[in-house]
Amino acid sequence: MKECRLCGGAVTPRKVDVQRYWRGRLVIITGVPAHVCEQCGEQYFDADVALEMDRIKKAAHVPGEKTIQVPVRPYVCEARG
């Protein structure tokens, strides 16, 4: 892939971190090979990479896995007046 389907920008291969949800839990997959648009940042994945990300997110445990805690905060808009 050489051109972004969204904006027409140049696409280059990179390693990215990807966030996926599985059964209500956030899973971050690091070092994923992707094709990334230099202009808008859109990410494209080859089919085999997408299948492997799906397998990783569903796995009970992956070697080298670590866990972090992330606060989840609701957006509350306070009226200004």
Foldseek 3Di string as FASTA:
>chain_A
DQADPPPRAGWDWDWAWDWDDDPRDIDIDGRQIWTAGPPPGDTHHDPVSVVVVVVVNPDPDDPPDDDDDDDDDDDDDDDDD
